[in-house]
Amino acid sequence: MRTRRLLAAIIIIAALPASLAFAGGAGGVGFGMQYFDAGLSSADRQAEYVTGFGYGVTWQGQRIGGFGMGILSADGVTAGGVGGMVLGQEWKGGPFTAAISLWTGLGGISLHDVPSRRAYGIVFGEAEAEIGIRPVPFMQVVAYAGFQAWGNFVPGLMFRSAVLTTPVFGFRVSWGAF
């Protein structure tokens, strides 16, 4: 009898950190657009992108996960992809969720309007704020706005500067445990 109690106590103590690690999480798809603003944007790419993502959420609301993104400009001049990590913080109230997130990663971009070089390895970053609503308990619809930056690391300058910066906005649909 004592051995069973000891074994049960060991299992509970061992499982406690795991139960606190991830209280929820989601995965889904998204669509976003770059918005050209002469005061904020360093180049007029106006690309659109689709994203697949997944993340876990701790009991304290921290998001940790990953994403893959395909990028294409409306005129077909810019195309590429990025993969990376999602870090953020979320807050919940009823069927609503608000969050701030940082999406960072590495990828490649092809630019057909740059005569000297056509492909670049890039470092990607996007800081954003989002608001979501859950129409059903396992699905969430999100609108977001933020600021995106691409910095190339090979070969040479991509545009007039080493970093493309621009505002972004978009929508996501995710499924999971909210």
C-alpha atoms as a PDB file:
ATOM      1  CA  MET A   1       0.000   0.000   0.000  1.00  0.00           C
ATOM      2  CA  ARG A   2       2.811   2.400   0.864  1.00  0.00           C
ATOM      3  CA  THR A   3       4.534   1.670  -2.456  1.00  0.00           C
ATOM      4  CA  ARG A   4       1.379   2.627  -4.382  1.00  0.00           C
ATOM      5  CA  ARG A   5       1.069   5.918  -2.523  1.00  0.00           C
ATOM      6  CA  LEU A   6       4.724   6.684  -3.097  1.00  0.00           C
ATOM      7  CA  LEU A   7       4.407   5.832  -6.801  1.00  0.00           C
ATOM      8  CA  ALA A   8       1.256   7.998  -7.112  1.00  0.00           C
ATOM      9  CA  ALA A   9       3.020  10.908  -5.388  1.00  0.00           C
ATOM     10  CA  ILE A  10       6.036  10.584  -7.710  1.00  0.00           C
ATOM     11  CA  ILE A  11       3.804  10.553 -10.810  1.00  0.00           C
ATOM     12  CA  ILE A  12       1.844  13.606  -9.628  1.00  0.00           C
ATOM     13  CA  ILE A  13       5.000  15.555  -8.775  1.00  0.00           C
ATOM     14  CA  ALA A  14       6.626  14.585 -12.094  1.00  0.00           C
ATOM     15  CA  ALA A  15       3.507  15.542 -14.110  1.00  0.00           C
ATOM     16  CA  LEU A  16       2.931  18.875 -12.355  1.00  0.00           C
ATOM     17  CA  PRO A  17       5.517  20.870 -14.380  1.00  0.00           C
ATOM     18  CA  ALA A  18       4.193  19.376 -17.619  1.00  0.00           C
ATOM     19  CA  SER A  19       0.625  20.369 -16.724  1.00  0.00           C
ATOM     20  CA  LEU A  20       1.758  23.947 -16.109  1.00  0.00           C
ATOM     21  CA  ALA A  21       3.842  24.164 -19.281  1.00  0.00           C
ATOM     22  CA  PHE A  22       1.079  24.429 -21.894  1.00  0.00           C
ATOM     23  CA  ALA A  23      -2.425  25.421 -20.954  1.00  0.00           C
ATOM     24  CA  GLY A  24      -3.628  25.798 -24.505  1.00  0.00           C
ATOM     25  CA  GLY A  25      -2.522  26.442 -28.007  1.00  0.00           C
ATOM     26  CA  ALA A  26      -3.614  26.818 -31.563  1.00  0.00           C
ATOM     27  CA  GLY A  27      -2.638  26.353 -35.155  1.00  0.00           C
ATOM     28  CA  GLY A  28      -4.036  27.800 -38.313  1.00  0.00           C
ATOM     29  CA  VAL A  29      -3.662  29.817 -41.473  1.00  0.00           C
ATOM     30  CA  GLY A  30      -3.462  33.516 -42.205  1.00  0.00           C
ATOM     31  CA  PHE A  31      -3.355  36.118 -44.931  1.00  0.00           C
ATOM     32  CA  GLY A  32      -1.532  39.440 -44.636  1.00  0.00           C
ATOM     33  CA  MET A  33      -0.573  42.447 -46.717  1.00  0.00           C
ATOM     34  CA  GLN A  34       2.165  45.020 -46.629  1.00  0.00           C
ATOM     35  CA  TYR A  35       0.902  48.585 -46.662  1.00  0.00           C
ATOM     36  CA  PHE A  36       3.084  51.237 -48.266  1.00  0.00           C
ATOM     37  CA  ASP A  37       3.376  54.432 -46.243  1.00  0.00           C
ATOM     38  CA  ALA A  38       5.900  57.000 -47.487  1.00  0.00           C
ATOM     39  CA  GLY A  39       6.866  57.935 -43.920  1.00  0.00           C
ATOM     40  CA  LEU A  40       7.240  54.379 -42.575  1.00  0.00           C
ATOM     41  CA  SER A  41       8.088  52.119 -45.528  1.00  0.00           C
ATOM     42  CA  SER A  42      11.613  51.873 -46.937  1.00  0.00           C
ATOM     43  CA  ALA A  43      10.472  50.327 -50.258  1.00  0.00           C
ATOM     44  CA  ASP A  44       7.205  49.924 -52.121  1.00  0.00           C
ATOM     45  CA  ARG A  45       6.920  46.116 -52.362  1.00  0.00           C
ATOM     46  CA  GLN A  46       3.268  45.835 -51.289  1.00  0.00           C
ATOM     47  CA  ALA A  47       3.582  42.081 -51.014  1.00  0.00           C
ATOM     48  CA  GLU A  48       0.894  39.707 -49.814  1.00  0.00           C
ATOM     49  CA  TYR A  49       1.658  36.622 -47.760  1.00  0.00           C
ATOM     50  CA  VAL A  50       0.043  33.435 -46.536  1.00  0.00           C
ATOM     51  CA  THR A  51       1.048  31.861 -43.264  1.00  0.00           C
ATOM     52  CA  GLY A  52       0.710  28.493 -41.557  1.00  0.00           C
ATOM     53  CA  PHE A  53       1.454  28.564 -37.839  1.00  0.00           C
ATOM     54  CA  GLY A  54       1.168  26.752 -34.529  1.00  0.00           C
ATOM     55  CA  TYR A  55       1.885  27.742 -30.948  1.00  0.00           C
ATOM     56  CA  GLY A  56       1.425  26.643 -27.375  1.00  0.00           C
ATOM     57  CA  VAL A  57       0.183  28.961 -24.632  1.00  0.00           C
ATOM     58  CA  THR A  58       1.296  28.728 -20.995  1.00  0.00           C
ATOM     59  CA  TRP A  59      -1.053  29.327 -18.070  1.00  0.00           C
ATOM     60  CA  GLN A  60       0.400  32.832 -17.822  1.00  0.00           C
ATOM     61  CA  GLY A  61      -0.480  33.565 -21.478  1.00  0.00           C
ATOM     62  CA  GLN A  62       2.947  33.344 -23.113  1.00  0.00           C
ATOM     63  CA  ARG A  63       2.902  32.075 -26.702  1.00  0.00           C
ATOM     64  CA  ILE A  64       5.732  29.940 -28.056  1.00  0.00           C
ATOM     65  CA  GLY A  65       5.593  28.344 -31.496  1.00  0.00           C
ATOM     66  CA  GLY A  66       6.568  28.382 -35.135  1.00  0.00           C
ATOM     67  CA  PHE A  67       5.401  29.485 -38.572  1.00  0.00           C
ATOM     68  CA  GLY A  68       5.994  29.167 -42.299  1.00  0.00           C
ATOM     69  CA  MET A  69       5.193  32.007 -44.669  1.00  0.00           C
ATOM     70  CA  GLY A  70       4.966  32.370 -48.455  1.00  0.00           C
ATOM     71  CA  ILE A  71       5.420  35.894 -49.851  1.00  0.00           C
ATOM     72  CA  LEU A  72       4.330  37.215 -53.265  1.00  0.00           C
ATOM     73  CA  SER A  73       3.929  40.800 -54.463  1.00  0.00           C
ATOM     74  CA  ALA A  74       0.799  41.746 -56.384  1.00  0.00           C
ATOM     75  CA  ASP A  75       2.832  42.432 -59.523  1.00  0.00           C
ATOM     76  CA  GLY A  76       4.739  39.129 -59.245  1.00  0.00           C
ATOM     77  CA  VAL A  77       8.119  40.853 -58.918  1.00  0.00           C
ATOM     78  CA  THR A  78       8.821  39.709 -55.332  1.00  0.00           C
ATOM     79  CA  ALA A  79       8.455  36.074 -54.281  1.00  0.00           C
ATOM     80  CA  GLY A  80       9.884  34.007 -51.443  1.00  0.00           C
ATOM     81  CA  GLY A  81       9.359  32.334 -48.140  1.00  0.00           C
ATOM     82  CA  VAL A  82      10.291  32.503 -44.468  1.00  0.00           C
ATOM     83  CA  GLY A  83      10.177  30.047 -41.581  1.00  0.00           C
ATOM     84  CA  GLY A  84      10.706  30.826 -37.943  1.00  0.00           C
ATOM     85  CA  MET A  85       9.515  31.279 -34.395  1.00  0.00           C
ATOM     86  CA  VAL A  86       6.515  32.979 -32.769  1.00  0.00           C
ATOM     87  CA  LEU A  87       6.863  34.555 -29.315  1.00  0.00           C
ATOM     88  CA  GLY A  88       4.168  36.592 -27.615  1.00  0.00           C
ATOM     89  CA  GLN A  89       1.774  37.333 -24.778  1.00  0.00           C
ATOM     90  CA  GLU A  90      -1.995  36.994 -24.859  1.00  0.00           C
ATOM     91  CA  TRP A  91      -4.860  38.105 -22.657  1.00  0.00           C
ATOM     92  CA  LYS A  92      -8.361  36.605 -22.605  1.00  0.00           C
ATOM     93  CA  GLY A  93     -11.763  37.980 -21.691  1.00  0.00           C
ATOM     94  CA  GLY A  94     -14.892  36.013 -22.544  1.00  0.00           C
ATOM     95  CA  PRO A  95     -14.846  35.096 -26.233  1.00  0.00           C
ATOM     96  CA  PHE A  96     -12.153  37.726 -26.971  1.00  0.00           C
ATOM     97  CA  THR A  97      -8.377  37.413 -27.086  1.00  0.00           C
ATOM     98  CA  ALA A  98      -5.843  40.217 -27.404  1.00  0.00           C
ATOM     99  CA  ALA A  99      -2.152  39.560 -28.006  1.00  0.00           C
ATOM    100  CA  ILE A 100       1.167  41.076 -28.914  1.00  0.00           C
ATOM    101  CA  SER A 101       3.592  38.866 -30.829  1.00  0.00           C
ATOM    102  CA  LEU A 102       6.999  38.807 -32.443  1.00  0.00           C
ATOM    103  CA  TRP A 103       7.469  36.590 -35.504  1.00  0.00           C
ATOM    104  CA  THR A 104      11.155  36.075 -36.387  1.00  0.00           C
ATOM    105  CA  GLY A 105      12.862  33.806 -38.874  1.00  0.00           C
ATOM    106  CA  LEU A 106      15.075  33.172 -41.884  1.00  0.00           C
ATOM    107  CA  GLY A 107      14.163  32.768 -45.519  1.00  0.00           C
ATOM    108  CA  GLY A 108      14.764  33.717 -49.106  1.00  0.00           C
ATOM    109  CA  ILE A 109      13.398  36.350 -51.470  1.00  0.00           C
ATOM    110  CA  SER A 110      13.633  36.595 -55.251  1.00  0.00           C
ATOM    111  CA  LEU A 111      13.419  40.069 -56.789  1.00  0.00           C
ATOM    112  CA  HIS A 112      12.890  40.139 -60.553  1.00  0.00           C
ATOM    113  CA  ASP A 113      13.292  43.921 -60.819  1.00  0.00           C
ATOM    114  CA  VAL A 114      16.862  44.057 -59.461  1.00  0.00           C
ATOM    115  CA  PRO A 115      19.243  43.521 -62.409  1.00  0.00           C
ATOM    116  CA  SER A 116      22.470  42.690 -60.552  1.00  0.00           C
ATOM    117  CA  ARG A 117      21.175  40.062 -58.140  1.00  0.00           C
ATOM    118  CA  ARG A 118      17.919  38.156 -58.169  1.00  0.00           C
ATOM    119  CA  ALA A 119      17.828  36.158 -54.924  1.00  0.00           C
ATOM    120  CA  TYR A 120      18.605  37.055 -51.321  1.00  0.00           C
ATOM    121  CA  GLY A 121      18.855  35.282 -48.005  1.00  0.00           C
ATOM    122  CA  ILE A 122      16.865  37.319 -45.487  1.00  0.00           C
ATOM    123  CA  VAL A 123      16.342  37.727 -41.773  1.00  0.00           C
ATOM    124  CA  PHE A 124      12.660  38.404 -41.066  1.00  0.00           C
ATOM    125  CA  GLY A 125      10.902  40.103 -38.161  1.00  0.00           C
ATOM    126  CA  GLU A 126       7.334  41.207 -37.549  1.00  0.00           C
ATOM    127  CA  ALA A 127       5.995  42.855 -34.391  1.00  0.00           C
ATOM    128  CA  GLU A 128       2.215  42.969 -34.191  1.00  0.00           C
ATOM    129  CA  ALA A 129      -0.878  43.460 -32.079  1.00  0.00           C
ATOM    130  CA  GLU A 130      -3.963  41.331 -32.646  1.00  0.00           C
ATOM    131  CA  ILE A 131      -7.544  40.998 -31.507  1.00  0.00           C
ATOM    132  CA  GLY A 132      -9.492  37.773 -31.886  1.00  0.00           C
ATOM    133  CA  ILE A 133     -12.955  36.410 -31.284  1.00  0.00           C
ATOM    134  CA  ARG A 134     -14.029  32.795 -30.788  1.00  0.00           C
ATOM    135  CA  PRO A 135     -17.325  32.125 -32.603  1.00  0.00           C
ATOM    136  CA  VAL A 136     -17.121  28.524 -31.301  1.00  0.00           C
ATOM    137  CA  PRO A 137     -14.924  27.235 -28.434  1.00  0.00           C
ATOM    138  CA  PHE A 138     -12.344  25.542 -30.699  1.00  0.00           C
ATOM    139  CA  MET A 139     -11.978  28.241 -33.420  1.00  0.00           C
ATOM    140  CA  GLN A 140     -10.754  31.831 -33.385  1.00  0.00           C
ATOM    141  CA  VAL A 141     -10.854  34.587 -36.024  1.00  0.00           C
ATOM    142  CA  VAL A 142      -8.125  37.234 -35.647  1.00  0.00           C
ATOM    143  CA  ALA A 143      -7.374  40.648 -37.160  1.00  0.00           C
ATOM    144  CA  TYR A 144      -3.874  42.062 -36.682  1.00  0.00           C
ATOM    145  CA  ALA A 145      -1.698  45.049 -37.533  1.00  0.00           C
ATOM    146  CA  GLY A 146       2.005  45.508 -37.088  1.00  0.00           C
ATOM    147  CA  PHE A 147       5.360  46.384 -38.535  1.00  0.00           C
ATOM    148  CA  GLN A 148       7.505  44.079 -40.675  1.00  0.00           C
ATOM    149  CA  ALA A 149      11.236  44.195 -41.473  1.00  0.00           C
ATOM    150  CA  TRP A 150      13.368  42.136 -43.879  1.00  0.00           C
ATOM    151  CA  GLY A 151      17.113  42.396 -43.664  1.00  0.00           C
ATOM    152  CA  ASN A 152      19.237  40.622 -46.238  1.00  0.00           C
ATOM    153  CA  PHE A 153      22.383  38.785 -45.185  1.00  0.00           C
ATOM    154  CA  VAL A 154      23.512  37.514 -48.613  1.00  0.00           C
ATOM    155  CA  PRO A 155      24.409  38.896 -51.174  1.00  0.00           C
ATOM    156  CA  GLY A 156      24.685  42.682 -50.919  1.00  0.00           C
ATOM    157  CA  LEU A 157      21.954  45.314 -50.719  1.00  0.00           C
ATOM    158  CA  MET A 158      18.415  44.318 -51.639  1.00  0.00           C
ATOM    159  CA  PHE A 159      17.024  47.831 -52.079  1.00  0.00           C
ATOM    160  CA  ARG A 160      18.452  51.271 -51.394  1.00  0.00           C
ATOM    161  CA  SER A 161      19.065  50.126 -47.805  1.00  0.00           C
ATOM    162  CA  ALA A 162      19.908  46.799 -46.203  1.00  0.00           C
ATOM    163  CA  VAL A 163      16.494  46.558 -44.501  1.00  0.00           C
ATOM    164  CA  LEU A 164      12.969  46.735 -45.908  1.00  0.00           C
ATOM    165  CA  THR A 165      10.485  48.085 -43.361  1.00  0.00           C
ATOM    166  CA  THR A 166       6.751  48.447 -43.807  1.00  0.00           C
ATOM    167  CA  PRO A 167       3.440  48.360 -41.909  1.00  0.00           C
ATOM    168  CA  VAL A 168       1.339  45.195 -42.286  1.00  0.00           C
ATOM    169  CA  PHE A 169      -2.195  44.042 -41.537  1.00  0.00           C
ATOM    170  CA  GLY A 170      -4.080  40.818 -41.998  1.00  0.00           C
ATOM    171  CA  PHE A 171      -6.450  38.124 -40.791  1.00  0.00           C
ATOM    172  CA  ARG A 172      -6.016  34.624 -39.356  1.00  0.00           C
ATOM    173  CA  VAL A 173      -8.207  31.665 -38.538  1.00  0.00           C
ATOM    174  CA  SER A 174      -6.957  29.251 -35.905  1.00  0.00           C
ATOM    175  CA  TRP A 175      -8.191  26.078 -34.275  1.00  0.00           C
ATOM    176  CA  GLY A 176      -7.179  24.763 -30.887  1.00  0.00           C
ATOM    177  CA  ALA A 177      -7.649  25.029 -27.144  1.00  0.00           C
ATOM    178  CA  PHE A 178      -8.483  28.615 -26.217  1.00  0.00           C
END
